[in-house]
Amino acid sequence: MIRKLLMLDWRAMKGMKKYILLSQTMIVFPFVFSSILIIPFCVFLSMTIATYPFGAEEKGGLNNLFLTMPIKRRDIVNSRFVLSGLLLVYGLIIGRLLFNLANFISETTESRNFFTSRWYFGVSGNIAFFAVNYLLFAIVNLFMYPVLFKLGYQKGKTPGLILPAALFGLLYMAFIIVFSAPRFAALPTRFISFASQNLLLVGGGIALFATAIMVLSYALSLRVFNRREF
């Protein structure tokens, strides 16, 4: 059943392909700042794309169609969360490839100022960094999905999408301000080094915390969607 609903969502999203294409072109944005921003930016865009089925269903009245089929509302919620998980993996893979490309360009060009910073991770560092991005994804999911399931796309897209975008914008500005100071400049590298030496403690803890947030998001989404009237 989940597979069928995923296929219905995917077909419905074809009508919004121009928005998906626009989202993908925005991946270029973090290239002018720092290579470390590429992966979280791709993850955020993946979560953005995961909201498009809500817009497609509202535009085509798919909820009414879904509810005439022998399916439960839980199945609809399940399929949307599976889709978001698949898009998370997609964002991590694309982000990691572009991350490598950014460092390669910075190494092979004479202009070292094309990026404000370059980063290199070992295997354990990558795992910890992916766990952090999973946490970011889970936080955005918690902002978006329960609101969209309760209000729909038109009413819920502003608080569901703009608020986390503003939050991450503020966090980025705070990151730049704080870690541009000489006394704090080495902290990100130290954290990555500590995470590399304590992979199970840091990466596992972050992943568990992110999973707890996803479970909370799922529970809230299911609760509000079951109570929603169409």
N, C-alpha and C. Protein backbone atom coordinates (compact mmCIF):
# COMPACT_ATOMS: atom_id res chain seq x y z
N MET A 1 0.82 -1.21 0.00
CA MET A 1 0.00 0.00 0.00
C MET A 1 0.86 1.26 0.00
N ILE A 2 1.93 1.25 0.81
CA ILE A 2 2.81 2.42 0.86
C ILE A 2 3.43 2.67 -0.51
N ARG A 3 3.82 1.58 -1.18
CA ARG A 3 4.42 1.73 -2.51
C ARG A 3 3.44 2.38 -3.48
N LYS A 4 2.17 1.98 -3.43
CA LYS A 4 1.16 2.55 -4.32
C LYS A 4 0.95 4.03 -4.04
N LEU A 5 0.91 4.38 -2.74
CA LEU A 5 0.74 5.78 -2.38
C LEU A 5 1.95 6.62 -2.79
N LEU A 6 3.14 6.04 -2.67
CA LEU A 6 4.34 6.74 -3.11
C LEU A 6 4.28 7.01 -4.60
N MET A 7 3.83 6.05 -5.36
CA MET A 7 3.71 6.23 -6.81
C MET A 7 2.68 7.30 -7.15
N LEU A 8 1.57 7.33 -6.41
CA LEU A 8 0.55 8.36 -6.64
C LEU A 8 1.10 9.74 -6.32
N ASP A 9 1.84 9.84 -5.22
CA ASP A 9 2.45 11.12 -4.86
C ASP A 9 3.46 11.55 -5.91
N TRP A 10 4.25 10.60 -6.39
CA TRP A 10 5.28 10.92 -7.38
C TRP A 10 4.65 11.41 -8.68
N ARG A 11 3.58 10.75 -9.12
CA ARG A 11 2.90 11.19 -10.33
C ARG A 11 2.28 12.56 -10.15
N ALA A 12 1.71 12.80 -8.98
CA ALA A 12 1.11 14.11 -8.71
C ALA A 12 2.16 15.21 -8.69
N MET A 13 3.38 14.88 -8.23
CA MET A 13 4.45 15.87 -8.13
C MET A 13 4.97 16.29 -9.49
N LYS A 14 4.69 15.52 -10.53
CA LYS A 14 5.18 15.88 -11.87
C LYS A 14 4.65 17.23 -12.31
N GLY A 15 3.47 17.59 -11.80
CA GLY A 15 2.92 18.90 -12.14
C GLY A 15 3.68 20.04 -11.47
N MET A 16 4.54 19.71 -10.51
CA MET A 16 5.30 20.73 -9.80
C MET A 16 6.79 20.63 -10.12
N LYS A 17 7.11 20.04 -11.27
CA LYS A 17 8.52 19.80 -11.61
C LYS A 17 9.32 21.10 -11.74
N LYS A 18 8.65 22.20 -12.14
CA LYS A 18 9.40 23.45 -12.27
C LYS A 18 9.87 23.94 -10.90
N TYR A 19 9.08 23.67 -9.86
CA TYR A 19 9.49 24.06 -8.52
C TYR A 19 10.63 23.18 -8.02
N ILE A 20 10.57 21.89 -8.37
CA ILE A 20 11.65 20.98 -8.00
C ILE A 20 12.95 21.38 -8.69
N LEU A 21 12.85 21.74 -9.98
CA LEU A 21 14.03 22.17 -10.73
C LEU A 21 14.61 23.44 -10.13
N LEU A 22 13.73 24.37 -9.74
CA LEU A 22 14.20 25.61 -9.12
C LEU A 22 14.93 25.32 -7.82
N SER A 23 14.40 24.38 -7.04
CA SER A 23 15.05 24.02 -5.79
C SER A 23 16.44 23.46 -6.04
N GLN A 24 16.55 22.61 -7.06
CA GLN A 24 17.84 21.99 -7.33
C GLN A 24 18.88 23.00 -7.79
N THR A 25 18.46 24.02 -8.54
CA THR A 25 19.43 25.02 -8.99
C THR A 25 19.95 25.85 -7.83
N MET A 26 19.23 25.89 -6.73
CA MET A 26 19.66 26.66 -5.55
C MET A 26 20.84 26.00 -4.84
N ILE A 27 21.19 24.76 -5.23
CA ILE A 27 22.33 24.08 -4.62
C ILE A 27 23.62 24.87 -4.84
N VAL A 28 23.65 25.69 -5.91
CA VAL A 28 24.84 26.48 -6.22
C VAL A 28 25.12 27.49 -5.11
N PHE A 29 24.08 27.91 -4.40
CA PHE A 29 24.21 29.00 -3.41
C PHE A 29 25.34 28.79 -2.40
N PRO A 30 25.42 27.65 -1.70
CA PRO A 30 26.47 27.53 -0.68
C PRO A 30 27.87 27.42 -1.25
N PHE A 31 28.03 27.25 -2.58
CA PHE A 31 29.36 27.14 -3.16
C PHE A 31 30.18 28.41 -2.95
N VAL A 32 29.50 29.56 -2.83
CA VAL A 32 30.23 30.82 -2.70
C VAL A 32 30.55 31.13 -1.24
N PHE A 33 30.18 30.25 -0.33
CA PHE A 33 30.45 30.49 1.08
C PHE A 33 31.44 29.46 1.63
N SER A 34 30.97 28.25 1.83
CA SER A 34 31.84 27.25 2.43
C SER A 34 31.37 25.87 2.00
N SER A 35 32.32 24.99 1.72
CA SER A 35 31.96 23.65 1.27
C SER A 35 31.18 22.88 2.33
N ILE A 36 31.39 23.22 3.61
CA ILE A 36 30.71 22.48 4.68
C ILE A 36 29.20 22.74 4.67
N LEU A 37 28.77 23.84 4.03
CA LEU A 37 27.34 24.16 3.98
C LEU A 37 26.60 23.38 2.91
N ILE A 38 27.32 22.76 1.98
CA ILE A 38 26.67 22.14 0.83
C ILE A 38 25.77 20.98 1.25
N ILE A 39 26.26 20.10 2.12
CA ILE A 39 25.47 18.93 2.51
C ILE A 39 24.21 19.33 3.28
N PRO A 40 24.30 20.16 4.33
CA PRO A 40 23.06 20.56 5.01
C PRO A 40 22.11 21.32 4.10
N PHE A 41 22.64 22.09 3.15
CA PHE A 41 21.78 22.82 2.23
C PHE A 41 21.03 21.84 1.33
N CYS A 42 21.70 20.80 0.85
CA CYS A 42 21.05 19.78 0.04
C CYS A 42 19.99 19.02 0.84
N VAL A 43 20.31 18.76 2.10
CA VAL A 43 19.34 18.09 2.98
C VAL A 43 18.11 18.95 3.18
N PHE A 44 18.31 20.25 3.37
CA PHE A 44 17.18 21.16 3.53
C PHE A 44 16.33 21.20 2.26
N LEU A 45 16.97 21.25 1.09
CA LEU A 45 16.23 21.25 -0.16
C LEU A 45 15.46 19.94 -0.34
N SER A 46 16.03 18.83 0.11
CA SER A 46 15.33 17.55 0.03
C SER A 46 14.05 17.58 0.87
N MET A 47 14.15 18.19 2.05
CA MET A 47 12.96 18.30 2.88
C MET A 47 11.95 19.23 2.24
N THR A 48 12.43 20.25 1.54
CA THR A 48 11.52 21.15 0.82
C THR A 48 10.75 20.39 -0.25
N ILE A 49 11.47 19.56 -1.01
CA ILE A 49 10.82 18.76 -2.06
C ILE A 49 9.81 17.80 -1.44
N ALA A 50 10.09 17.33 -0.23
CA ALA A 50 9.18 16.39 0.44
C ALA A 50 7.84 17.03 0.79
N THR A 51 7.76 18.37 0.71
CA THR A 51 6.49 19.05 0.98
C THR A 51 5.63 19.15 -0.27
N TYR A 52 6.19 18.90 -1.44
CA TYR A 52 5.45 19.12 -2.68
C TYR A 52 4.24 18.20 -2.85
N PRO A 53 4.27 16.95 -2.35
CA PRO A 53 3.05 16.14 -2.44
C PRO A 53 1.84 16.78 -1.76
N PHE A 54 2.10 17.56 -0.70
CA PHE A 54 1.00 18.26 -0.04
C PHE A 54 0.39 19.30 -0.97
N GLY A 55 1.26 20.00 -1.71
CA GLY A 55 0.77 20.98 -2.68
C GLY A 55 0.05 20.32 -3.84
N ALA A 56 0.60 19.20 -4.30
CA ALA A 56 -0.01 18.49 -5.43
C ALA A 56 -1.37 17.91 -5.04
N GLU A 57 -1.46 17.37 -3.83
CA GLU A 57 -2.73 16.77 -3.41
C GLU A 57 -3.80 17.84 -3.22
N GLU A 58 -3.37 19.03 -2.74
CA GLU A 58 -4.33 20.11 -2.54
C GLU A 58 -4.80 20.67 -3.89
N LYS A 59 -3.88 20.76 -4.82
CA LYS A 59 -4.21 21.27 -6.14
C LYS A 59 -5.13 20.34 -6.90
N GLY A 60 -4.91 19.05 -6.75
CA GLY A 60 -5.71 18.07 -7.49
C GLY A 60 -6.79 17.40 -6.67
N GLY A 61 -6.96 17.81 -5.41
CA GLY A 61 -7.97 17.20 -4.56
C GLY A 61 -7.69 15.73 -4.28
N LEU A 62 -6.41 15.39 -4.14
CA LEU A 62 -6.06 13.98 -3.99
C LEU A 62 -6.48 13.40 -2.65
N ASN A 63 -6.58 14.24 -1.63
CA ASN A 63 -7.00 13.72 -0.33
C ASN A 63 -8.39 13.09 -0.41
N ASN A 64 -9.26 13.76 -1.15
CA ASN A 64 -10.61 13.21 -1.32
C ASN A 64 -10.55 11.88 -2.07
N LEU A 65 -9.63 11.79 -3.04
CA LEU A 65 -9.46 10.54 -3.77
C LEU A 65 -8.91 9.46 -2.86
N PHE A 66 -7.89 9.81 -2.08
CA PHE A 66 -7.27 8.83 -1.18
C PHE A 66 -8.30 8.26 -0.20
N LEU A 67 -9.15 9.14 0.31
CA LEU A 67 -10.09 8.70 1.34
C LEU A 67 -11.25 7.89 0.78
N THR A 68 -11.40 7.86 -0.55
CA THR A 68 -12.40 6.98 -1.15
C THR A 68 -11.84 5.59 -1.43
N MET A 69 -10.53 5.45 -1.26
CA MET A 69 -9.87 4.17 -1.50
C MET A 69 -9.84 3.38 -0.19
N PRO A 70 -9.67 2.07 -0.29
CA PRO A 70 -9.61 1.24 0.94
C PRO A 70 -8.28 1.37 1.66
N ILE A 71 -7.98 2.60 2.09
CA ILE A 71 -6.74 2.85 2.81
C ILE A 71 -7.06 3.65 4.06
N LYS A 72 -6.16 3.61 5.02
CA LYS A 72 -6.32 4.36 6.25
C LYS A 72 -5.48 5.64 6.17
N ARG A 73 -5.87 6.58 6.99
CA ARG A 73 -5.10 7.82 7.03
C ARG A 73 -3.66 7.56 7.49
N ARG A 74 -3.50 6.55 8.32
CA ARG A 74 -2.15 6.18 8.76
C ARG A 74 -1.28 5.81 7.56
N ASP A 75 -1.88 5.16 6.55
CA ASP A 75 -1.11 4.77 5.36
C ASP A 75 -0.58 6.00 4.63
N ILE A 76 -1.40 7.05 4.57
CA ILE A 76 -0.98 8.28 3.90
C ILE A 76 0.19 8.91 4.66
N VAL A 77 0.07 8.97 5.97
CA VAL A 77 1.15 9.53 6.79
C VAL A 77 2.42 8.69 6.64
N ASN A 78 2.25 7.37 6.67
CA ASN A 78 3.41 6.48 6.52
C ASN A 78 4.12 6.72 5.20
N SER A 79 3.36 6.84 4.12
CA SER A 79 3.97 6.99 2.80
C SER A 79 4.73 8.31 2.70
N ARG A 80 4.19 9.37 3.32
CA ARG A 80 4.88 10.66 3.28
C ARG A 80 6.19 10.62 4.06
N PHE A 81 6.20 9.90 5.16
CA PHE A 81 7.43 9.80 5.95
C PHE A 81 8.46 8.91 5.26
N VAL A 82 8.00 7.87 4.57
CA VAL A 82 8.93 7.06 3.79
C VAL A 82 9.54 7.90 2.67
N LEU A 83 8.71 8.71 2.02
CA LEU A 83 9.21 9.60 0.97
C LEU A 83 10.25 10.56 1.53
N SER A 84 9.98 11.14 2.69
CA SER A 84 10.94 12.07 3.28
C SER A 84 12.25 11.37 3.61
N GLY A 85 12.18 10.10 4.06
CA GLY A 85 13.40 9.34 4.33
C GLY A 85 14.21 9.08 3.08
N LEU A 86 13.53 8.75 1.98
CA LEU A 86 14.22 8.53 0.71
C LEU A 86 14.88 9.81 0.22
N LEU A 87 14.19 10.93 0.40
CA LEU A 87 14.75 12.21 -0.03
C LEU A 87 15.92 12.63 0.87
N LEU A 88 15.88 12.22 2.14
CA LEU A 88 17.03 12.48 3.02
C LEU A 88 18.27 11.77 2.48
N VAL A 89 18.13 10.51 2.13
CA VAL A 89 19.26 9.75 1.57
C VAL A 89 19.75 10.40 0.29
N TYR A 90 18.81 10.81 -0.56
CA TYR A 90 19.16 11.50 -1.81
C TYR A 90 19.96 12.78 -1.52
N GLY A 91 19.49 13.58 -0.56
CA GLY A 91 20.17 14.82 -0.22
C GLY A 91 21.57 14.58 0.31
N LEU A 92 21.74 13.54 1.13
CA LEU A 92 23.06 13.23 1.68
C LEU A 92 24.02 12.79 0.57
N ILE A 93 23.53 11.98 -0.36
CA ILE A 93 24.39 11.49 -1.44
C ILE A 93 24.81 12.64 -2.37
N ILE A 94 23.82 13.41 -2.84
CA ILE A 94 24.12 14.53 -3.73
C ILE A 94 25.00 15.55 -3.02
N GLY A 95 24.69 15.84 -1.76
CA GLY A 95 25.48 16.80 -1.01
C GLY A 95 26.92 16.36 -0.85
N ARG A 96 27.12 15.06 -0.60
CA ARG A 96 28.49 14.55 -0.42
C ARG A 96 29.27 14.63 -1.72
N LEU A 97 28.63 14.35 -2.84
CA LEU A 97 29.30 14.44 -4.14
C LEU A 97 29.68 15.89 -4.45
N LEU A 98 28.77 16.81 -4.18
CA LEU A 98 29.05 18.22 -4.42
C LEU A 98 30.09 18.76 -3.45
N PHE A 99 30.08 18.22 -2.24
CA PHE A 99 31.10 18.57 -1.24
C PHE A 99 32.49 18.23 -1.77
N ASN A 100 32.64 17.02 -2.33
CA ASN A 100 33.92 16.62 -2.92
C ASN A 100 34.28 17.52 -4.10
N LEU A 101 33.28 17.86 -4.92
CA LEU A 101 33.53 18.73 -6.07
C LEU A 101 34.00 20.11 -5.62
N ALA A 102 33.39 20.64 -4.56
CA ALA A 102 33.78 21.96 -4.06
C ALA A 102 35.24 21.96 -3.62
N ASN A 103 35.64 20.96 -2.88
CA ASN A 103 37.03 20.88 -2.43
C ASN A 103 37.98 20.67 -3.61
N PHE A 104 37.55 19.90 -4.59
CA PHE A 104 38.39 19.67 -5.77
C PHE A 104 38.60 20.97 -6.55
N ILE A 105 37.52 21.74 -6.74
CA ILE A 105 37.64 23.01 -7.45
C ILE A 105 38.57 23.96 -6.71
N SER A 106 38.42 24.00 -5.39
CA SER A 106 39.24 24.90 -4.58
C SER A 106 40.72 24.50 -4.64
N GLU A 107 40.99 23.20 -4.77
CA GLU A 107 42.37 22.73 -4.83
C GLU A 107 43.01 22.99 -6.18
N THR A 108 42.22 22.87 -7.24
CA THR A 108 42.78 22.92 -8.59
C THR A 108 42.75 24.31 -9.21
N THR A 109 42.16 25.28 -8.51
CA THR A 109 42.16 26.65 -9.01
C THR A 109 43.10 27.49 -8.18
N GLU A 110 43.60 28.55 -8.79
CA GLU A 110 44.55 29.41 -8.09
C GLU A 110 43.86 30.28 -7.05
N SER A 111 42.56 30.54 -7.25
CA SER A 111 41.85 31.40 -6.32
C SER A 111 41.39 30.60 -5.11
N ARG A 112 42.09 30.73 -4.00
CA ARG A 112 41.72 30.04 -2.77
C ARG A 112 40.51 30.71 -2.10
N ASN A 113 40.17 31.92 -2.59
CA ASN A 113 39.08 32.66 -1.96
C ASN A 113 37.72 32.33 -2.57
N PHE A 114 37.69 31.38 -3.51
CA PHE A 114 36.40 31.00 -4.08
C PHE A 114 35.49 30.44 -3.00
N PHE A 115 36.06 29.73 -2.06
CA PHE A 115 35.33 29.27 -0.88
C PHE A 115 35.94 29.91 0.35
N THR A 116 35.09 30.24 1.31
CA THR A 116 35.63 30.82 2.54
C THR A 116 36.34 29.77 3.39
N SER A 117 36.00 28.49 3.18
CA SER A 117 36.68 27.43 3.94
C SER A 117 36.50 26.10 3.24
N ARG A 118 37.44 25.19 3.49
CA ARG A 118 37.37 23.83 2.96
C ARG A 118 37.44 22.87 4.13
N TRP A 119 36.80 21.71 3.95
CA TRP A 119 36.76 20.72 5.02
C TRP A 119 37.04 19.34 4.45
N TYR A 120 37.75 18.53 5.26
CA TYR A 120 38.03 17.16 4.86
C TYR A 120 37.75 16.24 6.05
N PHE A 121 36.99 15.18 5.81
CA PHE A 121 36.61 14.27 6.88
C PHE A 121 37.10 12.87 6.55
N GLY A 122 37.45 12.13 7.60
CA GLY A 122 37.69 10.71 7.46
C GLY A 122 36.37 9.96 7.54
N VAL A 123 36.45 8.65 7.57
CA VAL A 123 35.23 7.84 7.60
C VAL A 123 34.40 8.14 8.84
N SER A 124 35.03 8.13 10.00
CA SER A 124 34.30 8.38 11.24
C SER A 124 33.77 9.81 11.29
N GLY A 125 34.54 10.76 10.77
CA GLY A 125 34.08 12.14 10.72
C GLY A 125 32.87 12.29 9.83
N ASN A 126 32.86 11.56 8.71
CA ASN A 126 31.71 11.59 7.81
C ASN A 126 30.45 11.07 8.50
N ILE A 127 30.61 9.97 9.24
CA ILE A 127 29.45 9.39 9.93
C ILE A 127 28.88 10.38 10.93
N ALA A 128 29.75 11.02 11.70
CA ALA A 128 29.29 12.02 12.67
C ALA A 128 28.64 13.20 11.98
N PHE A 129 29.22 13.64 10.86
CA PHE A 129 28.67 14.78 10.13
C PHE A 129 27.31 14.43 9.53
N PHE A 130 27.16 13.21 9.00
CA PHE A 130 25.87 12.77 8.48
C PHE A 130 24.83 12.72 9.59
N ALA A 131 25.26 12.31 10.78
CA ALA A 131 24.32 12.27 11.92
C ALA A 131 23.83 13.67 12.25
N VAL A 132 24.72 14.66 12.18
CA VAL A 132 24.32 16.05 12.43
C VAL A 132 23.31 16.51 11.39
N ASN A 133 23.54 16.15 10.13
CA ASN A 133 22.62 16.54 9.07
C ASN A 133 21.28 15.81 9.20
N TYR A 134 21.32 14.59 9.67
CA TYR A 134 20.07 13.87 9.96
C TYR A 134 19.29 14.61 11.04
N LEU A 135 19.98 15.13 12.04
CA LEU A 135 19.33 15.91 13.09
C LEU A 135 18.70 17.17 12.51
N LEU A 136 19.42 17.87 11.64
CA LEU A 136 18.87 19.06 11.00
C LEU A 136 17.61 18.72 10.21
N PHE A 137 17.68 17.60 9.48
CA PHE A 137 16.53 17.14 8.69
C PHE A 137 15.35 16.86 9.60
N ALA A 138 15.59 16.20 10.72
CA ALA A 138 14.52 15.85 11.64
C ALA A 138 13.87 17.11 12.23
N ILE A 139 14.68 18.12 12.53
CA ILE A 139 14.14 19.36 13.08
C ILE A 139 13.24 20.05 12.06
N VAL A 140 13.69 20.10 10.80
CA VAL A 140 12.87 20.71 9.75
C VAL A 140 11.59 19.91 9.56
N ASN A 141 11.70 18.59 9.59
CA ASN A 141 10.53 17.73 9.46
C ASN A 141 9.52 18.02 10.56
N LEU A 142 10.01 18.22 11.77
CA LEU A 142 9.12 18.51 12.90
C LEU A 142 8.41 19.84 12.72
N PHE A 143 9.09 20.80 12.09
CA PHE A 143 8.46 22.08 11.79
C PHE A 143 7.38 21.91 10.72
N MET A 144 7.71 21.13 9.69
CA MET A 144 6.88 21.11 8.48
C MET A 144 5.71 20.14 8.52
N TYR A 145 5.99 18.88 8.75
CA TYR A 145 4.99 17.85 8.49
C TYR A 145 3.73 17.97 9.35
N PRO A 146 3.83 18.11 10.66
CA PRO A 146 2.60 18.23 11.44
C PRO A 146 1.74 19.42 11.01
N VAL A 147 2.40 20.54 10.66
CA VAL A 147 1.67 21.72 10.23
C VAL A 147 0.98 21.46 8.90
N LEU A 148 1.67 20.83 7.96
CA LEU A 148 1.09 20.56 6.65
C LEU A 148 -0.04 19.54 6.73
N PHE A 149 0.12 18.54 7.59
CA PHE A 149 -0.95 17.56 7.75
C PHE A 149 -2.19 18.18 8.40
N LYS A 150 -2.00 19.21 9.20
CA LYS A 150 -3.12 19.84 9.88
C LYS A 150 -3.79 20.91 9.03
N LEU A 151 -2.98 21.76 8.38
CA LEU A 151 -3.51 22.93 7.68
C LEU A 151 -3.55 22.78 6.17
N GLY A 152 -2.81 21.83 5.63
CA GLY A 152 -2.70 21.75 4.17
C GLY A 152 -1.57 22.63 3.67
N TYR A 153 -1.31 22.56 2.37
CA TYR A 153 -0.14 23.21 1.80
C TYR A 153 -0.26 24.73 1.78
N GLN A 154 -1.39 25.25 1.31
CA GLN A 154 -1.53 26.69 1.15
C GLN A 154 -1.46 27.43 2.48
N LYS A 155 -2.15 26.91 3.49
CA LYS A 155 -2.16 27.56 4.79
C LYS A 155 -0.92 27.22 5.63
N GLY A 156 -0.36 26.04 5.40
CA GLY A 156 0.73 25.59 6.25
C GLY A 156 2.12 25.82 5.72
N LYS A 157 2.25 26.19 4.42
CA LYS A 157 3.60 26.27 3.85
C LYS A 157 4.42 27.42 4.44
N THR A 158 3.75 28.52 4.81
CA THR A 158 4.50 29.64 5.37
C THR A 158 5.08 29.32 6.74
N PRO A 159 4.25 28.92 7.71
CA PRO A 159 4.86 28.56 9.00
C PRO A 159 5.69 27.29 8.93
N GLY A 160 5.33 26.38 8.01
CA GLY A 160 6.04 25.11 7.93
C GLY A 160 7.37 25.19 7.23
N LEU A 161 7.52 26.14 6.31
CA LEU A 161 8.75 26.23 5.52
C LEU A 161 9.57 27.48 5.85
N ILE A 162 8.89 28.61 5.96
CA ILE A 162 9.61 29.86 6.19
C ILE A 162 10.26 29.90 7.56
N LEU A 163 9.56 29.42 8.58
CA LEU A 163 10.11 29.46 9.93
C LEU A 163 11.39 28.66 10.08
N PRO A 164 11.44 27.39 9.63
CA PRO A 164 12.73 26.68 9.73
C PRO A 164 13.82 27.30 8.87
N ALA A 165 13.43 27.86 7.70
CA ALA A 165 14.43 28.53 6.86
C ALA A 165 15.01 29.73 7.59
N ALA A 166 14.13 30.50 8.24
CA ALA A 166 14.60 31.65 9.02
C ALA A 166 15.47 31.19 10.18
N LEU A 167 15.07 30.09 10.82
CA LEU A 167 15.84 29.56 11.94
C LEU A 167 17.24 29.19 11.51
N PHE A 168 17.36 28.45 10.40
CA PHE A 168 18.68 28.04 9.94
C PHE A 168 19.49 29.23 9.44
N GLY A 169 18.80 30.25 8.89
CA GLY A 169 19.50 31.46 8.50
C GLY A 169 20.12 32.16 9.71
N LEU A 170 19.36 32.24 10.79
CA LEU A 170 19.87 32.84 12.02
C LEU A 170 21.01 32.02 12.61
N LEU A 171 20.85 30.69 12.57
CA LEU A 171 21.90 29.82 13.09
C LEU A 171 23.19 29.97 12.28
N TYR A 172 23.04 30.11 10.95
CA TYR A 172 24.22 30.29 10.11
C TYR A 172 24.92 31.61 10.43
N MET A 173 24.12 32.67 10.59
CA MET A 173 24.72 33.96 10.93
C MET A 173 25.43 33.89 12.28
N ALA A 174 24.79 33.21 13.24
CA ALA A 174 25.43 33.05 14.55
C ALA A 174 26.71 32.24 14.43
N PHE A 175 26.69 31.19 13.58
CA PHE A 175 27.87 30.36 13.37
C PHE A 175 29.02 31.20 12.83
N ILE A 176 28.73 32.03 11.82
CA ILE A 176 29.76 32.87 11.20
C ILE A 176 30.32 33.87 12.22
N ILE A 177 29.42 34.49 12.97
CA ILE A 177 29.85 35.52 13.93
C ILE A 177 30.71 34.91 15.04
N VAL A 178 30.22 33.79 15.59
CA VAL A 178 30.91 33.20 16.73
C VAL A 178 32.26 32.61 16.32
N PHE A 179 32.25 31.80 15.23
CA PHE A 179 33.46 31.06 14.89
C PHE A 179 34.42 31.85 14.01
N SER A 180 34.06 33.10 13.68
CA SER A 180 35.03 33.95 13.01
C SER A 180 35.99 34.58 14.02
N ALA A 181 35.60 34.55 15.29
CA ALA A 181 36.49 35.04 16.34
C ALA A 181 37.66 34.07 16.52
N PRO A 182 38.89 34.58 16.65
CA PRO A 182 40.06 33.69 16.75
C PRO A 182 39.97 32.66 17.87
N ARG A 183 39.37 33.03 18.98
CA ARG A 183 39.34 32.11 20.13
C ARG A 183 38.39 30.93 19.91
N PHE A 184 37.44 31.09 18.96
CA PHE A 184 36.48 30.01 18.69
C PHE A 184 36.68 29.35 17.33
N ALA A 185 37.63 29.84 16.54
CA ALA A 185 37.78 29.37 15.16
C ALA A 185 38.09 27.88 15.09
N ALA A 186 38.79 27.35 16.09
CA ALA A 186 39.20 25.94 16.05
C ALA A 186 38.16 24.99 16.62
N LEU A 187 37.06 25.50 17.18
CA LEU A 187 36.08 24.65 17.83
C LEU A 187 35.42 23.64 16.88
N PRO A 188 34.99 24.06 15.65
CA PRO A 188 34.39 23.05 14.76
C PRO A 188 35.33 21.89 14.47
N THR A 189 36.59 22.21 14.22
CA THR A 189 37.57 21.15 13.95
C THR A 189 37.76 20.26 15.17
N ARG A 190 37.77 20.87 16.36
CA ARG A 190 37.92 20.08 17.58
C ARG A 190 36.73 19.17 17.81
N PHE A 191 35.54 19.69 17.50
CA PHE A 191 34.34 18.86 17.66
C PHE A 191 34.39 17.67 16.72
N ILE A 192 34.79 17.92 15.46
CA ILE A 192 34.87 16.82 14.49
C ILE A 192 35.93 15.81 14.94
N SER A 193 37.04 16.33 15.47
CA SER A 193 38.09 15.43 15.96
C SER A 193 37.57 14.60 17.14
N PHE A 194 36.86 15.26 18.07
CA PHE A 194 36.29 14.54 19.21
C PHE A 194 35.27 13.52 18.75
N ALA A 195 34.43 13.90 17.76
CA ALA A 195 33.43 12.98 17.24
C ALA A 195 34.08 11.78 16.57
N SER A 196 35.22 12.04 15.88
CA SER A 196 35.92 10.95 15.22
C SER A 196 36.48 9.95 16.23
N GLN A 197 36.89 10.45 17.39
CA GLN A 197 37.46 9.57 18.40
C GLN A 197 36.40 8.93 19.30
N ASN A 198 35.18 9.51 19.25
CA ASN A 198 34.08 8.99 20.08
C ASN A 198 32.84 8.82 19.22
N LEU A 199 33.00 8.03 18.17
CA LEU A 199 31.97 7.91 17.14
C LEU A 199 30.65 7.41 17.71
N LEU A 200 30.70 6.33 18.51
CA LEU A 200 29.46 5.76 19.04
C LEU A 200 28.77 6.74 19.99
N LEU A 201 29.55 7.45 20.76
CA LEU A 201 28.99 8.39 21.73
C LEU A 201 28.34 9.58 21.04
N VAL A 202 29.06 10.22 20.12
CA VAL A 202 28.57 11.44 19.50
C VAL A 202 27.62 11.14 18.34
N GLY A 203 28.11 10.39 17.35
CA GLY A 203 27.28 10.10 16.19
C GLY A 203 26.04 9.31 16.56
N GLY A 204 26.22 8.28 17.39
CA GLY A 204 25.08 7.48 17.80
C GLY A 204 24.08 8.28 18.62
N GLY A 205 24.60 9.13 19.53
CA GLY A 205 23.71 9.96 20.35
C GLY A 205 22.91 10.94 19.52
N ILE A 206 23.58 11.58 18.56
CA ILE A 206 22.89 12.52 17.69
C ILE A 206 21.85 11.82 16.84
N ALA A 207 22.20 10.64 16.29
CA ALA A 207 21.26 9.89 15.46
C ALA A 207 20.04 9.45 16.27
N LEU A 208 20.26 9.01 17.50
CA LEU A 208 19.14 8.61 18.36
C LEU A 208 18.23 9.80 18.67
N PHE A 209 18.85 10.94 18.95
CA PHE A 209 18.08 12.14 19.24
C PHE A 209 17.26 12.55 18.01
N ALA A 210 17.89 12.49 16.82
CA ALA A 210 17.19 12.82 15.59
C ALA A 210 16.03 11.86 15.34
N THR A 211 16.25 10.58 15.62
CA THR A 211 15.18 9.59 15.44
C THR A 211 14.02 9.86 16.39
N ALA A 212 14.34 10.28 17.61
CA ALA A 212 13.29 10.63 18.57
C ALA A 212 12.46 11.81 18.06
N ILE A 213 13.12 12.77 17.44
CA ILE A 213 12.40 13.92 16.87
C ILE A 213 11.51 13.47 15.72
N MET A 214 12.01 12.55 14.88
CA MET A 214 11.21 12.04 13.78
C MET A 214 10.00 11.27 14.29
N VAL A 215 10.17 10.51 15.34
CA VAL A 215 9.05 9.79 15.94
C VAL A 215 8.02 10.77 16.49
N LEU A 216 8.48 11.83 17.12
CA LEU A 216 7.58 12.86 17.61
C LEU A 216 6.83 13.53 16.46
N SER A 217 7.56 13.84 15.39
CA SER A 217 6.93 14.44 14.22
C SER A 217 5.87 13.51 13.63
N TYR A 218 6.20 12.23 13.56
CA TYR A 218 5.24 11.24 13.03
C TYR A 218 4.00 11.16 13.91
N ALA A 219 4.20 11.10 15.22
CA ALA A 219 3.06 10.99 16.14
C ALA A 219 2.16 12.22 16.05
N LEU A 220 2.76 13.41 15.99
CA LEU A 220 1.97 14.63 15.86
C LEU A 220 1.24 14.68 14.52
N SER A 221 1.94 14.28 13.46
CA SER A 221 1.33 14.29 12.12
C SER A 221 0.14 13.35 12.06
N LEU A 222 0.30 12.16 12.61
CA LEU A 222 -0.78 11.18 12.60
C LEU A 222 -1.97 11.68 13.42
N ARG A 223 -1.67 12.29 14.55
CA ARG A 223 -2.73 12.78 15.44
C ARG A 223 -3.56 13.88 14.76
N VAL A 224 -2.88 14.87 14.19
CA VAL A 224 -3.60 16.00 13.60
C VAL A 224 -4.30 15.59 12.30
N PHE A 225 -3.70 14.67 11.54
CA PHE A 225 -4.32 14.25 10.28
C PHE A 225 -5.57 13.40 10.53
N ASN A 226 -5.54 12.60 11.58
CA ASN A 226 -6.73 11.82 11.93
C ASN A 226 -7.90 12.70 12.34
N ARG A 227 -7.60 13.87 12.87
CA ARG A 227 -8.64 14.79 13.32
C ARG A 227 -9.05 15.81 12.27
N ARG A 228 -8.35 15.84 11.17
CA ARG A 228 -8.62 16.84 10.15
C ARG A 228 -9.88 16.49 9.37
N GLU A 229 -10.66 17.51 9.06
CA GLU A 229 -11.89 17.32 8.29
C GLU A 229 -11.65 17.79 6.87
N PHE A 230 -12.23 17.05 5.92
CA PHE A 230 -12.10 17.39 4.51
C PHE A 230 -13.48 17.71 3.92
